[in-house]
């Protein structure tokens, strides 16, 4: 039996992972390859709508949702 990977569109690029029920918080952690607790200053939008951090755990991601993860940086 084949391993199926789900595809997502994050920060303008295709991203694949094996989450069966993709919730925003889990997808962010896999995409960043680290705990989001260590990234306190990121903002996330799904389909051009900002999602409050307290809602990341309950926000289910659907097929073809577009996710943007941004962080402030100096000199920008």
C-alpha atoms as a PDB file:
ATOM      1  CA  UNK A   1       0.000   0.000   0.000  1.00  0.00           C
ATOM      2  CA  UNK A   2       1.305   3.443  -0.949  1.00  0.00           C
ATOM      3  CA  UNK A   3       1.938   6.242   1.506  1.00  0.00           C
ATOM      4  CA  UNK A   4      -0.300   9.107   0.480  1.00  0.00           C
ATOM      5  CA  UNK A   5       0.883  12.643   1.071  1.00  0.00           C
ATOM      6  CA  UNK A   6      -1.381  15.646   1.291  1.00  0.00           C
ATOM      7  CA  UNK A   7      -0.319  18.745  -0.599  1.00  0.00           C
ATOM      8  CA  UNK A   8      -0.652  22.284   0.686  1.00  0.00           C
ATOM      9  CA  UNK A   9       0.252  25.719  -0.671  1.00  0.00           C
ATOM     10  CA  UNK A  10       2.368  27.526   1.934  1.00  0.00           C
ATOM     11  CA  UNK A  11       4.218  30.813   1.365  1.00  0.00           C
ATOM     12  CA  UNK A  12       3.749  30.510  -2.379  1.00  0.00           C
ATOM     13  CA  UNK A  13       5.168  26.979  -2.661  1.00  0.00           C
ATOM     14  CA  UNK A  14       3.787  23.463  -2.718  1.00  0.00           C
ATOM     15  CA  UNK A  15       4.350  21.564   0.516  1.00  0.00           C
ATOM     16  CA  UNK A  16       3.596  17.889   1.179  1.00  0.00           C
ATOM     17  CA  UNK A  17       3.181  15.997   4.445  1.00  0.00           C
ATOM     18  CA  UNK A  18       1.337  12.979   5.806  1.00  0.00           C
ATOM     19  CA  UNK A  19      -1.174  14.621   8.140  1.00  0.00           C
ATOM     20  CA  UNK A  20      -4.517  12.791   8.011  1.00  0.00           C
ATOM     21  CA  UNK A  21      -6.509  15.598   9.605  1.00  0.00           C
ATOM     22  CA  UNK A  22      -4.622  18.808   8.937  1.00  0.00           C
ATOM     23  CA  UNK A  23      -5.044  21.458  11.594  1.00  0.00           C
ATOM     24  CA  UNK A  24      -3.207  24.737  11.201  1.00  0.00           C
ATOM     25  CA  UNK A  25      -1.021  24.424  14.309  1.00  0.00           C
ATOM     26  CA  UNK A  26       0.282  20.978  13.303  1.00  0.00           C
ATOM     27  CA  UNK A  27       0.904  22.054   9.725  1.00  0.00           C
ATOM     28  CA  UNK A  28       2.866  25.135  10.851  1.00  0.00           C
ATOM     29  CA  UNK A  29       5.074  23.029  13.125  1.00  0.00           C
ATOM     30  CA  UNK A  30       5.818  20.536  10.357  1.00  0.00           C
ATOM     31  CA  UNK A  31       6.459  23.304   7.810  1.00  0.00           C
ATOM     32  CA  UNK A  32       8.799  25.213  10.141  1.00  0.00           C
ATOM     33  CA  UNK A  33      10.322  21.929  11.366  1.00  0.00           C
ATOM     34  CA  UNK A  34      10.193  23.110  14.986  1.00  0.00           C
ATOM     35  CA  UNK A  35       7.832  23.867  17.804  1.00  0.00           C
ATOM     36  CA  UNK A  36       5.873  27.062  17.233  1.00  0.00           C
ATOM     37  CA  UNK A  37       6.307  27.832  20.915  1.00  0.00           C
ATOM     38  CA  UNK A  38       9.845  28.875  19.948  1.00  0.00           C
ATOM     39  CA  UNK A  39       8.470  31.201  17.239  1.00  0.00           C
ATOM     40  CA  UNK A  40       6.352  33.617  19.253  1.00  0.00           C
ATOM     41  CA  UNK A  41       6.393  36.369  16.656  1.00  0.00           C
ATOM     42  CA  UNK A  42       4.830  34.807  13.603  1.00  0.00           C
ATOM     43  CA  UNK A  43       1.518  35.645  11.980  1.00  0.00           C
ATOM     44  CA  UNK A  44      -0.511  33.274   9.855  1.00  0.00           C
ATOM     45  CA  UNK A  45      -3.181  33.872   7.233  1.00  0.00           C
ATOM     46  CA  UNK A  46      -5.345  31.269   5.538  1.00  0.00           C
ATOM     47  CA  UNK A  47      -6.893  32.370   2.245  1.00  0.00           C
ATOM     48  CA  UNK A  48      -5.868  35.979   2.946  1.00  0.00           C
ATOM     49  CA  UNK A  49      -7.573  36.023   6.359  1.00  0.00           C
ATOM     50  CA  UNK A  50      -5.476  36.390   9.506  1.00  0.00           C
ATOM     51  CA  UNK A  51      -6.035  33.594  12.009  1.00  0.00           C
ATOM     52  CA  UNK A  52      -5.595  34.402  15.683  1.00  0.00           C
ATOM     53  CA  UNK A  53      -2.967  32.266  17.385  1.00  0.00           C
ATOM     54  CA  UNK A  54      -5.499  30.946  19.904  1.00  0.00           C
ATOM     55  CA  UNK A  55      -7.484  29.452  16.981  1.00  0.00           C
ATOM     56  CA  UNK A  56      -4.597  27.639  15.231  1.00  0.00           C
ATOM     57  CA  UNK A  57      -5.221  24.379  17.101  1.00  0.00           C
ATOM     58  CA  UNK A  58      -8.879  24.220  15.986  1.00  0.00           C
ATOM     59  CA  UNK A  59      -8.506  25.617  12.441  1.00  0.00           C
ATOM     60  CA  UNK A  60      -8.940  22.720  10.002  1.00  0.00           C
ATOM     61  CA  UNK A  61      -7.099  23.156   6.704  1.00  0.00           C
ATOM     62  CA  UNK A  62      -8.951  22.195   3.544  1.00  0.00           C
ATOM     63  CA  UNK A  63      -7.751  21.143   0.113  1.00  0.00           C
ATOM     64  CA  UNK A  64      -6.417  24.140  -1.846  1.00  0.00           C
ATOM     65  CA  UNK A  65      -6.294  26.514   1.148  1.00  0.00           C
ATOM     66  CA  UNK A  66      -3.490  29.039   0.742  1.00  0.00           C
ATOM     67  CA  UNK A  67      -1.412  29.591   3.877  1.00  0.00           C
ATOM     68  CA  UNK A  68       1.001  32.457   4.500  1.00  0.00           C
ATOM     69  CA  UNK A  69       3.397  32.425   7.468  1.00  0.00           C
ATOM     70  CA  UNK A  70       5.240  35.674   8.139  1.00  0.00           C
ATOM     71  CA  UNK A  71       7.696  36.912  10.755  1.00  0.00           C
ATOM     72  CA  UNK A  72       9.166  40.360  11.368  1.00  0.00           C
ATOM     73  CA  UNK A  73      12.820  40.960  10.547  1.00  0.00           C
ATOM     74  CA  UNK A  74      15.249  43.858  10.928  1.00  0.00           C
ATOM     75  CA  UNK A  75      16.096  46.030   7.975  1.00  0.00           C
ATOM     76  CA  UNK A  76      12.907  45.204   6.098  1.00  0.00           C
END
